[in-house]
């Protein structure tokens, strides 16, 4: 008899779950689901050594719950993460006209490249300055205010400075970051900054980043960013990227340059994206099935070839 009761409870809960799923998971105005999976093949040459490997680079799964016209919750996970810390975004958003406030773990507004969602990235790898925008990670825990209109946007964030999936600060200082961008039609001109302190309270070190942005959105898209770096060391970096957008393919090129930590690095990336399928599953067009091919050259003894398959919706 007890087994029958337990079975009845299980059936009831499962039926309730299906009903909840049908009324919530697949209704656009209640819960939006997005996903992006990257599988990668990488062939590298470093000095006289070569290496090649297949890998599941990332498997992102996102949930956006529109509670009402003012309040939204966002959860974005890398379900392919093997470190046990899959959370990327985990925040609540309060919107009022042209203004938005985010509280929780979110991506800070630190440049054009940084703000692109994974399915929209043109290149397989980030630029050389991409990993230098914040002390730990562009995603952090805190609060951010965003203002938008047809001519541009402004954002200001106050965060711990310890990066994503770290829910407590390691000092009393709170880091600040922000962005101001003018975006009339297909043109972008902006600047961004990050100012914080690293380490324990008795041995704090100042961390600064100041960035400039330029972008032209057209069939031939131009994006360029310059970043000034200042902490225990000084440095600067720059990239300029060209992407020719067509319905079925996207030839691309990028020049990267970074001087930091007494080292100067220059790289050239040449490639193409093949677009097999597009869709409008969210609020904008998504590159559902895309194959990216990149060749990155540092010098005669250091270069790599990458191929990445993207499935997204």
Protein backbone atom coordinates (compact mmCIF):
# COMPACT_ATOMS: atom_id res chain seq x y z
CA UNK A 1 0.00 0.00 0.00
CA UNK A 2 2.84 2.40 0.86
CA UNK A 3 4.44 1.71 -2.52
CA UNK A 4 1.17 2.59 -4.25
CA UNK A 5 0.95 5.87 -2.28
CA UNK A 6 4.54 6.77 -3.16
CA UNK A 7 3.88 5.96 -6.79
CA UNK A 8 0.76 8.13 -6.70
CA UNK A 9 2.78 11.05 -5.26
CA UNK A 10 5.44 10.64 -7.98
CA UNK A 11 2.81 10.58 -10.72
CA UNK A 12 1.12 13.66 -9.25
CA UNK A 13 4.39 15.60 -9.04
CA UNK A 14 5.38 14.58 -12.54
CA UNK A 15 1.96 15.66 -13.87
CA UNK A 16 2.27 18.97 -12.02
CA UNK A 17 5.74 19.47 -13.49
CA UNK A 18 4.47 18.83 -17.04
CA UNK A 19 1.64 21.27 -16.53
CA UNK A 20 4.06 23.88 -15.17
CA UNK A 21 6.43 23.29 -18.06
CA UNK A 22 3.71 23.67 -20.66
CA UNK A 23 2.44 26.88 -19.13
CA UNK A 24 5.85 28.38 -18.36
CA UNK A 25 8.77 26.94 -20.30
CA UNK A 26 7.33 27.34 -23.75
CA UNK A 27 5.46 30.62 -23.36
CA UNK A 28 7.44 33.56 -24.69
CA UNK A 29 6.10 36.15 -22.28
CA UNK A 30 6.99 34.03 -19.23
CA UNK A 31 10.23 32.16 -19.80
CA UNK A 32 12.70 32.42 -22.69
CA UNK A 33 15.28 29.69 -23.24
CA UNK A 34 18.46 30.16 -25.27
CA UNK A 35 21.40 27.84 -25.88
CA UNK A 36 24.77 27.83 -27.61
CA UNK A 37 27.10 24.83 -28.04
CA UNK A 38 30.65 25.08 -29.43
CA UNK A 39 32.72 22.09 -30.52
CA UNK A 40 36.32 22.93 -31.42
CA UNK A 41 39.20 21.42 -33.35
CA UNK A 42 42.59 23.09 -32.71
CA UNK A 43 45.93 22.50 -34.42
CA UNK A 44 48.89 24.44 -33.00
CA UNK A 45 52.54 24.85 -33.86
CA UNK A 46 54.88 26.23 -31.18
CA UNK A 47 58.59 26.21 -32.01
CA UNK A 48 59.18 22.69 -33.34
CA UNK A 49 56.23 21.10 -31.51
CA UNK A 50 52.80 20.49 -33.03
CA UNK A 51 49.61 19.44 -31.28
CA UNK A 52 46.00 18.87 -32.30
CA UNK A 53 42.87 18.15 -30.31
CA UNK A 54 39.07 18.04 -30.40
CA UNK A 55 37.18 19.59 -27.48
CA UNK A 56 33.74 20.67 -26.31
CA UNK A 57 34.63 24.29 -25.74
CA UNK A 58 31.39 25.54 -24.17
CA UNK A 59 27.76 24.54 -23.80
CA UNK A 60 25.72 27.55 -22.71
CA UNK A 61 22.12 27.34 -21.52
CA UNK A 62 20.18 30.47 -20.58
CA UNK A 63 16.81 31.18 -18.94
CA UNK A 64 15.17 34.61 -18.90
CA UNK A 65 12.01 34.95 -16.80
CA UNK A 66 9.88 38.02 -17.52
CA UNK A 67 7.91 38.35 -14.28
CA UNK A 68 6.19 41.54 -15.43
CA UNK A 69 7.04 44.56 -17.59
CA UNK A 70 9.38 45.89 -14.90
CA UNK A 71 11.08 42.83 -13.39
CA UNK A 72 13.17 40.15 -15.12
CA UNK A 73 15.42 37.35 -13.84
CA UNK A 74 18.32 35.94 -15.86
CA UNK A 75 20.22 32.66 -15.40
CA UNK A 76 23.01 31.77 -17.83
CA UNK A 77 25.05 28.58 -17.32
CA UNK A 78 27.91 26.80 -19.02
CA UNK A 79 26.63 23.26 -18.56
CA UNK A 80 29.82 21.94 -20.15
CA UNK A 81 31.94 23.38 -17.34
CA UNK A 82 34.06 20.73 -15.60
CA UNK A 83 35.24 22.89 -12.67
CA UNK A 84 31.94 22.79 -10.79
CA UNK A 85 31.30 26.54 -11.27
CA UNK A 86 28.97 26.78 -14.27
CA UNK A 87 27.18 30.08 -13.49
CA UNK A 88 27.87 32.99 -15.83
CA UNK A 89 24.87 35.28 -15.31
CA UNK A 90 22.65 35.17 -12.25
CA UNK A 91 20.86 38.47 -11.71
CA UNK A 92 17.56 40.28 -11.28
CA UNK A 93 16.77 43.23 -13.54
CA UNK A 94 14.46 46.15 -12.82
CA UNK A 95 13.48 48.21 -15.89
CA UNK A 96 11.79 51.60 -15.96
CA UNK A 97 11.47 53.35 -19.33
CA UNK A 98 15.03 53.81 -20.67
CA UNK A 99 16.74 52.74 -17.45
CA UNK A 100 17.67 49.33 -16.09
CA UNK A 101 19.21 48.16 -12.80
CA UNK A 102 20.88 44.74 -12.47
CA UNK A 103 21.69 43.13 -9.14
CA UNK A 104 23.62 39.86 -8.84
CA UNK A 105 26.30 38.36 -11.08
CA UNK A 106 26.46 39.95 -14.54
CA UNK A 107 28.80 40.93 -17.37
CA UNK A 108 30.15 44.46 -17.05
CA UNK A 109 30.02 46.85 -20.01
CA UNK A 110 33.72 46.85 -20.95
CA UNK A 111 33.77 47.26 -24.70
CA UNK A 112 32.17 46.11 -27.95
CA UNK A 113 33.80 42.69 -28.06
CA UNK A 114 33.05 42.04 -24.40
CA UNK A 115 29.34 42.80 -24.84
CA UNK A 116 28.72 40.44 -27.77
CA UNK A 117 26.72 37.35 -26.72
CA UNK A 118 28.49 34.06 -27.58
CA UNK A 119 26.41 33.24 -30.71
CA UNK A 120 27.21 36.70 -32.15
CA UNK A 121 31.01 36.46 -31.86
CA UNK A 122 32.69 36.66 -35.27
CA UNK A 123 36.06 35.19 -34.24
CA UNK A 124 36.68 31.90 -32.46
CA UNK A 125 39.15 33.43 -29.98
CA UNK A 126 38.92 36.77 -28.19
CA UNK A 127 41.41 39.50 -29.01
CA UNK A 128 44.64 39.86 -27.02
CA UNK A 129 43.12 42.68 -24.93
CA UNK A 130 39.99 40.60 -24.29
CA UNK A 131 41.46 38.87 -21.24
CA UNK A 132 42.89 42.09 -19.78
CA UNK A 133 39.70 44.10 -19.29
CA UNK A 134 39.12 43.18 -15.62
CA UNK A 135 41.33 41.77 -12.84
CA UNK A 136 39.57 38.40 -12.68
CA UNK A 137 36.73 38.30 -15.20
CA UNK A 138 34.35 40.78 -16.89
CA UNK A 139 31.57 39.02 -14.99
CA UNK A 140 31.36 39.94 -11.31
CA UNK A 141 28.94 40.31 -8.41
CA UNK A 142 27.46 43.72 -7.63
CA UNK A 143 25.00 46.29 -8.95
CA UNK A 144 24.84 48.06 -12.33
CA UNK A 145 22.76 50.93 -13.72
CA UNK A 146 22.19 51.12 -17.49
CA UNK A 147 20.59 53.90 -19.55
CA UNK A 148 19.70 53.48 -23.23
CA UNK A 149 18.10 55.45 -26.04
CA UNK A 150 18.31 55.56 -29.84
CA UNK A 151 21.53 57.60 -29.76
CA UNK A 152 23.56 55.47 -27.35
CA UNK A 153 23.93 54.01 -23.89
CA UNK A 154 25.60 54.62 -20.55
CA UNK A 155 26.42 52.09 -17.83
CA UNK A 156 27.99 52.26 -14.36
CA UNK A 157 28.73 49.23 -12.16
CA UNK A 158 29.94 48.71 -8.60
CA UNK A 159 31.32 45.19 -8.05
CA UNK A 160 33.45 43.13 -5.66
CA UNK A 161 36.31 42.74 -8.13
CA UNK A 162 36.80 39.05 -7.39
CA UNK A 163 35.26 37.74 -10.64
CA UNK A 164 32.44 35.32 -11.38
CA UNK A 165 31.30 32.58 -9.00
CA UNK A 166 32.99 34.27 -6.04
CA UNK A 167 30.21 35.52 -3.80
CA UNK A 168 32.29 37.39 -1.22
CA UNK A 169 34.88 40.16 -1.47
CA UNK A 170 38.46 39.76 -0.22
CA UNK A 171 38.84 43.41 0.83
CA UNK A 172 36.76 46.42 1.86
CA UNK A 173 37.20 48.16 -1.48
CA UNK A 174 34.52 48.04 -4.19
CA UNK A 175 35.57 48.28 -7.84
CA UNK A 176 33.94 50.61 -10.37
CA UNK A 177 33.46 50.19 -14.09
CA UNK A 178 31.50 52.00 -16.75
CA UNK A 179 30.87 52.73 -20.40
CA UNK A 180 29.58 55.62 -22.48
CA UNK A 181 28.81 54.92 -26.15
CA UNK A 182 27.24 57.01 -28.91
CA UNK A 183 25.44 54.80 -31.42
CA UNK A 184 23.68 56.84 -34.13
CA UNK A 185 22.44 54.37 -36.74
CA UNK A 186 25.33 52.05 -37.75
CA UNK A 187 28.16 53.95 -36.06
CA UNK A 188 29.65 53.38 -32.59
CA UNK A 189 32.02 55.71 -30.73
CA UNK A 190 32.60 55.00 -27.07
CA UNK A 191 34.83 54.68 -24.06
CA UNK A 192 34.96 52.41 -21.03
CA UNK A 193 36.91 52.10 -17.80
CA UNK A 194 37.64 49.81 -14.87
CA UNK A 195 39.08 51.08 -11.56
CA UNK A 196 39.69 48.78 -8.61
CA UNK A 197 42.06 47.48 -5.97
CA UNK A 198 43.45 43.95 -5.68
CA UNK A 199 44.60 41.93 -2.70
CA UNK A 200 44.02 42.12 1.04
CA UNK A 201 43.29 45.40 2.82
CA UNK A 202 46.84 45.67 4.18
CA UNK A 203 48.44 45.25 0.73
CA UNK A 204 46.08 46.74 -1.85
CA UNK A 205 47.26 47.31 -5.42
CA UNK A 206 45.50 49.70 -7.81
CA UNK A 207 44.12 48.25 -11.04
CA UNK A 208 43.09 50.55 -13.91
CA UNK A 209 41.81 50.01 -17.44
CA UNK A 210 40.79 52.75 -19.89
CA UNK A 211 39.34 51.81 -23.27
CA UNK A 212 38.33 53.54 -26.51
CA UNK A 213 35.92 52.01 -29.05
CA UNK A 214 35.11 52.59 -32.70
CA UNK A 215 32.68 50.58 -34.79
CA UNK A 216 30.90 50.76 -38.14
CA UNK A 217 28.06 48.30 -38.76
CA UNK A 218 27.52 47.63 -42.45
CA UNK A 219 28.02 44.75 -44.88
CA UNK A 220 31.73 45.51 -44.31
CA UNK A 221 31.84 45.79 -40.51
CA UNK A 222 34.74 47.56 -38.81
CA UNK A 223 35.41 47.23 -35.08
CA UNK A 224 38.45 48.58 -33.26
CA UNK A 225 39.37 49.07 -29.60
CA UNK A 226 42.34 50.55 -27.74
CA UNK A 227 43.03 49.65 -24.10
CA UNK A 228 45.38 51.36 -21.64
CA UNK A 229 46.53 49.10 -18.79
CA UNK A 230 47.93 50.27 -15.46
CA UNK A 231 48.49 48.20 -12.29
CA UNK A 232 51.87 47.11 -10.92
CA UNK A 233 52.89 47.31 -14.58
CA UNK A 234 51.88 49.59 -17.45
CA UNK A 235 50.79 48.52 -20.90
CA UNK A 236 48.57 49.12 -23.88
CA UNK A 237 46.80 47.06 -26.48
CA UNK A 238 44.83 47.42 -29.68
CA UNK A 239 42.88 45.42 -32.23
CA UNK A 240 41.23 46.20 -35.55
CA UNK A 241 38.80 43.72 -37.12
CA UNK A 242 37.05 43.59 -40.50
CA UNK A 243 34.10 41.28 -41.22
CA UNK A 244 32.26 41.17 -44.56
CA UNK A 245 28.69 40.07 -43.78
CA UNK A 246 26.89 38.02 -46.43
CA UNK A 247 23.89 35.69 -46.13
CA UNK A 248 25.87 32.46 -46.34
CA UNK A 249 29.44 33.43 -45.43
CA UNK A 250 31.55 35.99 -43.56
CA UNK A 251 35.22 36.51 -44.55
CA UNK A 252 37.12 38.15 -41.69
CA UNK A 253 40.48 39.54 -40.63
CA UNK A 254 41.88 40.89 -37.35
CA UNK A 255 45.13 42.53 -36.29
CA UNK A 256 46.07 42.28 -32.58
CA UNK A 257 48.80 44.04 -30.64
CA UNK A 258 49.55 44.00 -26.89
CA UNK A 259 52.45 45.42 -24.85
CA UNK A 260 52.25 44.30 -21.22
CA UNK A 261 54.45 42.70 -18.57
CA UNK A 262 57.61 43.63 -20.53
CA UNK A 263 56.38 41.62 -23.53
CA UNK A 264 55.16 42.65 -26.95
CA UNK A 265 52.76 40.32 -28.77
CA UNK A 266 51.40 40.74 -32.29
CA UNK A 267 49.00 38.36 -34.03
CA UNK A 268 47.08 38.20 -37.29
CA UNK A 269 43.86 36.22 -37.71
CA UNK A 270 42.40 35.32 -41.09
CA UNK A 271 39.24 33.29 -41.44
CA UNK A 272 35.71 32.70 -42.67
CA UNK A 273 32.35 31.82 -41.12
CA UNK A 274 30.01 29.58 -43.09
CA UNK A 275 26.35 30.16 -42.18
CA UNK A 276 24.15 27.14 -42.83
CA UNK A 277 21.05 28.16 -40.88
CA UNK A 278 19.62 31.26 -39.22
CA UNK A 279 16.53 31.75 -37.06
CA UNK A 280 14.58 34.25 -34.96
CA UNK A 281 14.12 32.28 -31.76
CA UNK A 282 14.80 35.27 -29.48
CA UNK A 283 14.40 39.01 -29.95
CA UNK A 284 17.08 39.12 -32.67
CA UNK A 285 18.32 36.91 -35.49
CA UNK A 286 20.48 33.99 -34.33
CA UNK A 287 23.17 32.16 -36.30
CA UNK A 288 21.80 28.70 -35.55
CA UNK A 289 24.31 26.54 -37.42
CA UNK A 290 27.70 28.13 -38.12
CA UNK A 291 31.12 26.74 -38.98
CA UNK A 292 34.07 29.00 -38.22
CA UNK A 293 37.58 28.57 -39.64
CA UNK A 294 40.41 30.73 -38.21
CA UNK A 295 44.14 30.82 -38.86
CA UNK A 296 46.12 32.85 -36.30
CA UNK A 297 49.78 33.69 -36.91
CA UNK A 298 52.15 35.16 -34.30
CA UNK A 299 55.44 34.50 -36.06
CA UNK A 300 57.06 31.78 -38.16
CA UNK A 301 57.38 29.49 -35.14
CA UNK A 302 54.01 30.16 -33.46
CA UNK A 303 50.67 29.75 -35.25
CA UNK A 304 47.44 27.77 -34.99
CA UNK A 305 44.43 26.66 -37.02
CA UNK A 306 41.00 26.46 -35.40
CA UNK A 307 37.68 25.10 -36.60
CA UNK A 308 34.54 25.60 -34.52
CA UNK A 309 30.99 24.35 -35.07
CA UNK A 310 28.25 26.41 -33.42
CA UNK A 311 24.70 25.27 -32.75
CA UNK A 312 22.56 27.96 -31.13
CA UNK A 313 18.99 29.10 -30.67
